[in-house]
Amino acid sequence: MFARRLYSASSRTGFNEFQQYVLSAQPCARMTSGATRPTILTNTATDEVLVENTGITKRVVLNRPKALNALNLPIICRLYPLYKEWQRDPHGVVIIKGLGDKAFCAGGDIRAIYDAGVAGDFAGSPRQFFRDEYRLNYLIAKRSFPHIALLNGIVMGGGVGMSVHGQYRICTENAVFAMPETGIGFFCDVGGSYFLSRLGPLGMYLALTGARLKGAELVTAGIATHFVPSSQLCNTEVGLTATPAGHIESIINMYSQPVVADATSDIVRHRDQIERCFSLPSVEQIVAALEADAAAAELTEQQQLWARRTADTLGKMSPTSLKVVHRQLTEGRRLNYADCFKMEYRISQAFMHPGSDFFEGVRAVLVDKDKNPK
């Protein structure tokens, strides 16, 4: 369990830098040591991102299946200038997917950030990674073209940032969504301030607990826009690749299936509890409400167990992260995309220091895997 400590997220570290950088003309100006800028639209079998431009349609394939297609800086630095160029073609279409069936994208390459910090680099590499990642997310959010993400497998963290801000998010029964950052001592970045806050109490629940949504639950929650069975995903992709922007919805509708809310899903079965508990103005009040529900005789045993389980989950998360995320989503409700990403960049840099919950959380969950952050 994380040590019970908190720190303020009010620092304005890096705010002015990001504000200027997000509008600058040269993305990824400084790459990590030994990295080189990939040649645009030149693919090899070992490239970590594959790009195909057929004229109207641009197809992006994240090509790190052994790493569950996690984003790293070279991928981000290759995609940013392409997305910038594609902005000039409002009639174009961008389709993005992950290679293989296990993951669309399991997140950012957090292990690389951890290794940089262990080596004493708490500024250079982490600063560049988050700045450039958020910059790419912002481009997707403010795109002038239809952006279609095919969500088959794991969709977490950075993978959410590469998909949820686009116009179409097509999920299959294999899709698994989560924003699990509070469990590693971080916060729900990649635009979580914007999209999670607009889901209301459900967004707060997903952000604080890191709860997973599977398959059609993504549509029920508002994370995905359409559900297509995995058996039809290839046909959907082929149809979209050959279709002008004006006919996209007809192709998606041809293969998608209507979603009826599953009464056995936690976000449906416990909707009233989620809305009541996770709309409260502080983490402490949320926990108190859950503990009260766990002992409430007027509730069903199922409702009591859910409340107990959810309160226990929050007790295992970084207290710093819980407080930061609650404030982040509260502030995000009134901010536009640009201001959300500026805020998130500032917060990300506040976590990049020795002894932060982030480095201890990554050690416990991803490195040593002892599941015992201290």
Protein backbone atom coordinates (compact mmCIF):
# COMPACT_ATOMS: atom_id res chain seq x y z
CA MET A 1 0.00 0.00 0.00
CA PHE A 2 1.21 3.50 -0.79
CA ALA A 3 2.41 5.59 2.12
CA ARG A 4 -0.33 7.98 3.26
CA ARG A 5 1.17 11.23 2.01
CA LEU A 6 -0.13 14.08 -0.09
CA TYR A 7 1.36 17.01 -1.93
CA SER A 8 -0.11 19.99 -3.71
CA ALA A 9 -0.78 19.90 -7.44
CA SER A 10 -1.01 23.67 -7.62
CA SER A 11 2.55 24.17 -8.91
CA ARG A 12 2.73 25.91 -12.28
CA THR A 13 5.86 23.99 -13.31
CA GLY A 14 6.20 23.99 -17.07
CA PHE A 15 2.87 25.78 -17.74
CA ASN A 16 4.27 28.64 -19.80
CA GLU A 17 6.67 26.30 -21.59
CA PHE A 18 3.86 24.01 -22.73
CA GLN A 19 1.64 26.95 -23.70
CA GLN A 20 4.33 28.19 -26.07
CA TYR A 21 5.38 24.74 -27.25
CA VAL A 22 1.90 23.54 -28.16
CA LEU A 23 1.70 26.24 -30.81
CA SER A 24 5.28 26.05 -32.10
CA ALA A 25 6.16 24.86 -35.59
CA GLN A 26 8.80 22.24 -34.76
CA PRO A 27 7.53 19.16 -32.92
CA CYS A 28 9.89 16.73 -31.21
CA ALA A 29 12.79 19.10 -31.72
CA ARG A 30 14.99 17.20 -29.29
CA MET A 31 14.85 13.42 -29.38
CA THR A 32 16.34 11.10 -26.81
CA SER A 33 19.96 10.11 -27.12
CA GLY A 34 20.60 7.87 -30.11
CA ALA A 35 17.13 8.35 -31.62
CA THR A 36 16.66 9.63 -35.14
CA ARG A 37 13.67 11.10 -36.89
CA PRO A 38 12.03 8.36 -39.03
CA THR A 39 11.46 8.98 -42.71
CA ILE A 40 7.81 9.80 -43.30
CA LEU A 41 5.82 7.07 -45.06
CA THR A 42 8.80 4.74 -45.39
CA ASN A 43 7.94 1.50 -43.62
CA THR A 44 10.06 -1.50 -42.78
CA ALA A 45 9.09 -4.67 -40.94
CA THR A 46 10.87 -3.41 -37.81
CA ASP A 47 9.22 0.04 -37.72
CA GLU A 48 7.28 0.60 -34.52
CA VAL A 49 4.51 2.39 -36.39
CA LEU A 50 3.40 1.62 -39.94
CA VAL A 51 1.73 4.27 -42.07
CA GLU A 52 -0.07 3.80 -45.35
CA ASN A 53 -1.37 6.73 -47.40
CA THR A 54 -3.78 5.75 -50.16
CA GLY A 55 -4.74 9.31 -50.98
CA ILE A 56 -7.98 9.93 -49.14
CA THR A 57 -7.37 7.32 -46.44
CA LYS A 58 -4.39 7.26 -44.11
CA ARG A 59 -3.91 4.06 -42.14
CA VAL A 60 -1.80 3.97 -38.98
CA VAL A 61 -0.79 0.66 -37.38
CA LEU A 62 0.96 0.63 -33.99
CA ASN A 63 3.55 -2.10 -34.46
CA ARG A 64 4.85 -3.09 -31.03
CA PRO A 65 2.76 -6.21 -30.32
CA LYS A 66 5.28 -7.63 -27.83
CA ALA A 67 4.95 -4.41 -25.84
CA LEU A 68 1.15 -4.40 -26.30
CA ASN A 69 1.66 -1.55 -28.80
CA ALA A 70 2.69 0.88 -26.06
CA LEU A 71 3.58 4.38 -27.24
CA ASN A 72 7.17 5.54 -27.09
CA LEU A 73 8.83 8.78 -28.12
CA PRO A 74 9.91 7.68 -31.63
CA ILE A 75 6.32 6.68 -32.44
CA ILE A 76 4.99 10.00 -31.18
CA CYS A 77 7.65 11.92 -33.10
CA ARG A 78 6.82 10.11 -36.29
CA LEU A 79 3.08 10.59 -36.03
CA TYR A 80 2.99 14.26 -35.03
CA PRO A 81 4.24 15.73 -38.35
CA LEU A 82 1.97 13.35 -40.25
CA TYR A 83 -1.11 14.40 -38.29
CA LYS A 84 -0.05 18.01 -38.77
CA GLU A 85 0.18 17.48 -42.51
CA TRP A 86 -3.15 15.65 -42.65
CA GLN A 87 -4.85 18.62 -41.04
CA ARG A 88 -4.58 20.34 -44.42
CA ASP A 89 -6.89 17.75 -45.99
CA PRO A 90 -10.36 18.01 -44.39
CA HIS A 91 -11.67 15.41 -46.85
CA GLY A 92 -9.18 12.76 -45.74
CA VAL A 93 -9.79 9.91 -43.31
CA VAL A 94 -7.41 8.50 -40.69
CA ILE A 95 -7.78 4.93 -39.42
CA ILE A 96 -5.64 3.81 -36.49
CA LYS A 97 -5.30 0.35 -34.96
CA GLY A 98 -2.83 -1.84 -33.08
CA LEU A 99 -1.10 -4.84 -34.60
CA GLY A 100 -2.41 -8.17 -33.31
CA ASP A 101 -5.43 -9.09 -31.24
CA LYS A 102 -4.09 -8.44 -27.73
CA ALA A 103 -4.00 -4.65 -27.69
CA PHE A 104 -4.90 -1.49 -29.51
CA CYS A 105 -2.42 0.29 -27.25
CA ALA A 106 -1.77 -0.52 -23.59
CA GLY A 107 -0.49 2.96 -22.74
CA GLY A 108 2.63 5.05 -22.85
CA ASP A 109 6.06 3.57 -22.30
CA ILE A 110 6.02 4.26 -18.58
CA ARG A 111 8.93 1.90 -17.96
CA ALA A 112 11.17 4.15 -20.09
CA ILE A 113 10.17 7.16 -17.98
CA TYR A 114 10.91 5.16 -14.84
CA ASP A 115 14.33 4.09 -16.13
CA ALA A 116 15.18 7.70 -16.98
CA GLY A 117 14.28 8.77 -13.45
CA VAL A 118 16.32 5.97 -11.87
CA ALA A 119 19.26 7.20 -13.96
CA GLY A 120 18.73 10.69 -12.53
CA ASP A 121 16.93 12.23 -15.51
CA PHE A 122 13.81 13.73 -13.99
CA ALA A 123 13.53 16.61 -16.44
CA GLY A 124 14.78 15.99 -19.98
CA SER A 125 13.23 12.70 -21.15
CA PRO A 126 10.03 12.85 -19.04
CA ARG A 127 9.46 16.47 -20.01
CA GLN A 128 9.81 15.74 -23.70
CA PHE A 129 7.73 12.55 -23.66
CA PHE A 130 4.69 14.03 -21.94
CA ARG A 131 4.88 17.32 -23.81
CA ASP A 132 5.01 15.63 -27.21
CA GLU A 133 2.42 12.99 -26.32
CA TYR A 134 -0.10 15.60 -25.18
CA ARG A 135 0.64 17.66 -28.24
CA LEU A 136 -0.29 14.72 -30.46
CA ASN A 137 -3.43 14.06 -28.41
CA TYR A 138 -4.41 17.70 -28.85
CA LEU A 139 -4.03 17.44 -32.63
CA ILE A 140 -6.39 14.46 -32.68
CA ALA A 141 -8.88 16.36 -30.54
CA LYS A 142 -8.80 19.39 -32.86
CA ARG A 143 -8.60 17.40 -36.09
CA SER A 144 -10.22 18.66 -39.30
CA PHE A 145 -10.69 15.11 -40.63
CA PRO A 146 -12.63 11.99 -39.55
CA HIS A 147 -10.49 9.94 -37.16
CA ILE A 148 -11.42 6.27 -36.70
CA ALA A 149 -9.89 4.10 -33.97
CA LEU A 150 -10.37 0.31 -34.13
CA LEU A 151 -10.33 -0.82 -30.50
CA ASN A 152 -9.62 -4.54 -30.30
CA GLY A 153 -7.87 -5.68 -27.13
CA ILE A 154 -6.37 -3.49 -24.40
CA VAL A 155 -7.04 0.26 -24.54
CA MET A 156 -5.40 1.98 -21.61
CA GLY A 157 -3.59 5.21 -20.77
CA GLY A 158 -1.80 6.49 -23.84
CA GLY A 159 -3.95 4.26 -26.05
CA VAL A 160 -7.01 6.10 -24.78
CA GLY A 161 -5.37 9.39 -25.70
CA MET A 162 -4.80 8.13 -29.26
CA SER A 163 -8.45 7.15 -29.70
CA VAL A 164 -11.02 8.76 -27.43
CA HIS A 165 -10.59 12.28 -28.82
CA GLY A 166 -11.38 11.12 -32.35
CA GLN A 167 -14.77 11.15 -34.04
CA TYR A 168 -15.28 7.37 -34.26
CA ARG A 169 -14.17 4.77 -31.69
CA ILE A 170 -15.17 1.28 -32.79
CA CYS A 171 -14.79 -1.43 -30.16
CA THR A 172 -15.12 -5.21 -30.30
CA GLU A 173 -16.00 -7.75 -27.62
CA ASN A 174 -12.24 -8.06 -26.97
CA ALA A 175 -11.79 -4.40 -26.00
CA VAL A 176 -10.65 -3.72 -22.43
CA PHE A 177 -10.61 -0.07 -21.33
CA ALA A 178 -9.08 1.36 -18.18
CA MET A 179 -7.34 4.43 -16.83
CA PRO A 180 -5.31 2.67 -14.10
CA GLU A 181 -2.95 5.52 -13.23
CA THR A 182 -3.92 5.95 -9.57
CA GLY A 183 -2.59 2.43 -9.00
CA ILE A 184 0.92 3.44 -10.07
CA GLY A 185 0.99 6.81 -8.34
CA PHE A 186 0.23 8.90 -11.43
CA PHE A 187 -2.88 10.70 -12.72
CA CYS A 188 -5.37 10.31 -15.57
CA ASP A 189 -3.57 12.25 -18.29
CA VAL A 190 -3.82 12.16 -22.13
CA GLY A 191 -6.88 14.42 -21.98
CA GLY A 192 -8.60 12.64 -19.08
CA SER A 193 -9.33 16.07 -17.61
CA TYR A 194 -11.61 16.68 -20.58
CA PHE A 195 -13.27 13.40 -21.53
CA LEU A 196 -13.58 11.79 -18.10
CA SER A 197 -14.97 14.94 -16.50
CA ARG A 198 -17.69 15.02 -19.16
CA LEU A 199 -18.85 11.54 -18.19
CA GLY A 200 -19.94 12.94 -14.83
CA PRO A 201 -19.73 10.72 -11.71
CA LEU A 202 -19.04 7.70 -13.93
CA GLY A 203 -15.87 9.40 -15.18
CA MET A 204 -14.79 10.11 -11.61
CA TYR A 205 -15.42 6.46 -10.71
CA LEU A 206 -13.37 5.18 -13.65
CA ALA A 207 -10.57 7.63 -12.91
CA LEU A 208 -10.23 7.02 -9.19
CA THR A 209 -10.71 3.24 -9.14
CA GLY A 210 -9.09 2.31 -12.48
CA ALA A 211 -12.13 0.08 -13.09
CA ARG A 212 -12.08 -1.89 -16.34
CA LEU A 213 -14.76 -1.81 -18.98
CA LYS A 214 -15.05 -4.67 -21.44
CA GLY A 215 -16.57 -4.98 -24.89
CA ALA A 216 -19.91 -3.25 -25.32
CA GLU A 217 -19.52 -1.59 -21.90
CA LEU A 218 -17.31 0.95 -23.68
CA VAL A 219 -20.31 2.07 -25.73
CA THR A 220 -22.59 2.09 -22.70
CA ALA A 221 -20.13 4.36 -20.88
CA GLY A 222 -19.59 6.69 -23.84
CA ILE A 223 -15.95 5.74 -24.40
CA ALA A 224 -16.65 4.03 -27.74
CA THR A 225 -19.15 5.18 -30.35
CA HIS A 226 -19.88 1.83 -32.04
CA PHE A 227 -19.66 -1.90 -31.39
CA VAL A 228 -18.53 -4.24 -34.16
CA PRO A 229 -17.95 -7.99 -33.57
CA SER A 230 -14.29 -8.90 -34.02
CA SER A 231 -15.33 -11.29 -36.81
CA GLN A 232 -16.45 -8.25 -38.81
CA LEU A 233 -13.63 -5.89 -37.91
CA CYS A 234 -11.51 -6.74 -40.93
CA ASN A 235 -14.46 -6.19 -43.28
CA THR A 236 -15.18 -2.89 -41.56
CA GLU A 237 -11.59 -1.75 -41.99
CA VAL A 238 -11.50 -2.75 -45.67
CA GLY A 239 -14.76 -0.92 -46.29
CA LEU A 240 -13.58 2.22 -44.51
CA THR A 241 -10.26 2.22 -46.36
CA ALA A 242 -12.08 2.43 -49.68
CA THR A 243 -14.73 4.92 -48.59
CA PRO A 244 -14.73 8.73 -48.92
CA ALA A 245 -15.29 10.72 -45.73
CA GLY A 246 -18.92 11.46 -46.57
CA HIS A 247 -19.89 7.77 -46.51
CA ILE A 248 -18.07 6.60 -43.38
CA GLU A 249 -21.14 6.26 -41.22
CA SER A 250 -22.91 4.08 -43.77
CA ILE A 251 -20.01 1.61 -43.70
CA ILE A 252 -19.81 1.60 -39.90
CA ASN A 253 -23.56 1.13 -39.61
CA MET A 254 -23.37 -1.78 -42.03
CA TYR A 255 -21.20 -3.80 -39.64
CA SER A 256 -21.97 -2.36 -36.20
CA GLN A 257 -24.53 -3.81 -33.82
CA PRO A 258 -26.83 -1.93 -31.44
CA VAL A 259 -25.79 -2.07 -27.80
CA VAL A 260 -28.29 -2.78 -25.05
CA ALA A 261 -27.04 -1.93 -21.57
CA ASP A 262 -26.06 -5.14 -19.74
CA ALA A 263 -27.88 -5.30 -16.43
CA THR A 264 -25.06 -7.42 -14.94
CA SER A 265 -22.44 -4.74 -15.64
CA ASP A 266 -21.25 -2.83 -12.58
CA ILE A 267 -21.71 0.53 -14.31
CA VAL A 268 -25.36 -0.36 -14.98
CA ARG A 269 -26.21 -2.39 -11.88
CA HIS A 270 -24.63 0.15 -9.52
CA ARG A 271 -25.32 3.29 -11.50
CA ASP A 272 -27.26 4.97 -8.68
CA GLN A 273 -24.49 4.29 -6.17
CA ILE A 274 -21.83 5.54 -8.58
CA GLU A 275 -23.75 8.74 -9.24
CA ARG A 276 -24.42 9.35 -5.56
CA CYS A 277 -20.98 8.50 -4.17
CA PHE A 278 -18.70 9.75 -6.93
CA SER A 279 -20.40 13.11 -7.30
CA LEU A 280 -19.23 14.14 -3.82
CA PRO A 281 -16.78 17.06 -3.53
CA SER A 282 -13.81 15.25 -1.97
CA VAL A 283 -12.09 11.87 -1.92
CA GLU A 284 -12.69 11.59 1.81
CA GLN A 285 -16.43 12.05 1.33
CA ILE A 286 -16.51 9.48 -1.46
CA VAL A 287 -14.79 6.89 0.74
CA ALA A 288 -17.10 7.70 3.66
CA ALA A 289 -20.18 7.27 1.45
CA LEU A 290 -18.93 3.91 0.18
CA GLU A 291 -18.22 2.70 3.71
CA ALA A 292 -21.68 3.83 4.79
CA ASP A 293 -23.22 1.89 1.88
CA ALA A 294 -21.22 -1.20 2.84
CA ALA A 295 -22.95 -1.19 6.24
CA ALA A 296 -26.38 0.07 5.12
CA ALA A 297 -29.07 -2.45 6.08
CA GLU A 298 -31.53 -0.98 3.57
CA LEU A 299 -29.26 -1.87 0.64
CA THR A 300 -29.04 -5.30 -0.94
CA GLU A 301 -26.16 -7.60 -0.15
CA GLN A 302 -24.89 -7.09 -3.69
CA GLN A 303 -24.88 -3.30 -3.25
CA GLN A 304 -23.10 -3.63 0.09
CA LEU A 305 -20.43 -5.89 -1.37
CA TRP A 306 -19.85 -3.55 -4.29
CA ALA A 307 -19.42 -0.60 -1.95
CA ARG A 308 -17.00 -2.55 0.27
CA ARG A 309 -14.99 -3.74 -2.71
CA THR A 310 -14.82 -0.23 -4.21
CA ALA A 311 -13.76 1.35 -0.91
CA ASP A 312 -11.05 -1.32 -0.53
CA THR A 313 -9.84 -0.57 -4.07
CA LEU A 314 -9.48 3.12 -3.28
CA GLY A 315 -7.54 2.19 -0.14
CA LYS A 316 -4.89 0.52 -2.28
CA MET A 317 -4.36 3.52 -4.56
CA SER A 318 -1.86 6.32 -4.14
CA PRO A 319 -3.51 8.93 -1.87
CA THR A 320 -1.64 11.65 -3.75
CA SER A 321 -3.02 10.39 -7.05
CA LEU A 322 -6.56 10.18 -5.72
CA LYS A 323 -6.49 13.77 -4.52
CA VAL A 324 -4.85 15.04 -7.70
CA VAL A 325 -7.25 13.18 -10.00
CA HIS A 326 -10.31 14.39 -8.10
CA ARG A 327 -9.12 17.99 -8.39
CA GLN A 328 -8.05 17.45 -12.00
CA LEU A 329 -11.49 16.27 -13.13
CA THR A 330 -13.25 18.92 -11.07
CA GLU A 331 -11.20 21.62 -12.80
CA GLY A 332 -11.44 19.92 -16.19
CA ARG A 333 -15.23 20.31 -16.35
CA ARG A 334 -14.87 24.01 -17.07
CA LEU A 335 -11.77 23.92 -19.28
CA ASN A 336 -11.42 23.54 -23.04
CA TYR A 337 -9.09 21.01 -24.65
CA ALA A 338 -6.07 23.31 -24.80
CA ASP A 339 -6.32 24.33 -21.15
CA CYS A 340 -6.85 20.71 -20.05
CA PHE A 341 -3.64 19.62 -21.76
CA LYS A 342 -1.73 22.59 -20.34
CA MET A 343 -2.92 21.64 -16.87
CA GLU A 344 -2.00 18.00 -17.40
CA TYR A 345 1.50 18.85 -18.58
CA ARG A 346 2.00 20.92 -15.45
CA ILE A 347 0.74 18.07 -13.27
CA SER A 348 2.91 15.48 -15.04
CA GLN A 349 6.04 17.44 -14.25
CA ALA A 350 5.04 17.74 -10.59
CA PHE A 351 5.20 13.92 -10.41
CA MET A 352 8.70 13.79 -11.93
CA HIS A 353 10.83 14.08 -8.81
CA PRO A 354 12.77 11.65 -6.60
CA GLY A 355 10.61 9.91 -4.04
CA SER A 356 7.30 10.58 -5.78
CA ASP A 357 4.54 8.00 -5.67
CA PHE A 358 4.92 7.58 -9.44
CA PHE A 359 8.41 6.04 -9.32
CA GLU A 360 7.53 3.85 -6.34
CA GLY A 361 4.25 2.78 -7.96
CA VAL A 362 5.92 1.83 -11.24
CA ARG A 363 8.58 -0.10 -9.34
CA ALA A 364 5.98 -2.07 -7.38
CA VAL A 365 3.60 -2.77 -10.27
CA LEU A 366 5.76 -2.95 -13.41
CA VAL A 367 9.39 -3.49 -12.38
CA ASP A 368 9.70 -5.66 -9.25
CA LYS A 369 6.00 -6.61 -9.44
CA ASP A 370 5.77 -7.13 -5.70
CA LYS A 371 2.48 -5.15 -5.63
CA ASN A 372 3.67 -3.52 -2.43
CA PRO A 373 4.35 0.21 -2.96
CA LYS A 374 5.80 1.92 0.09
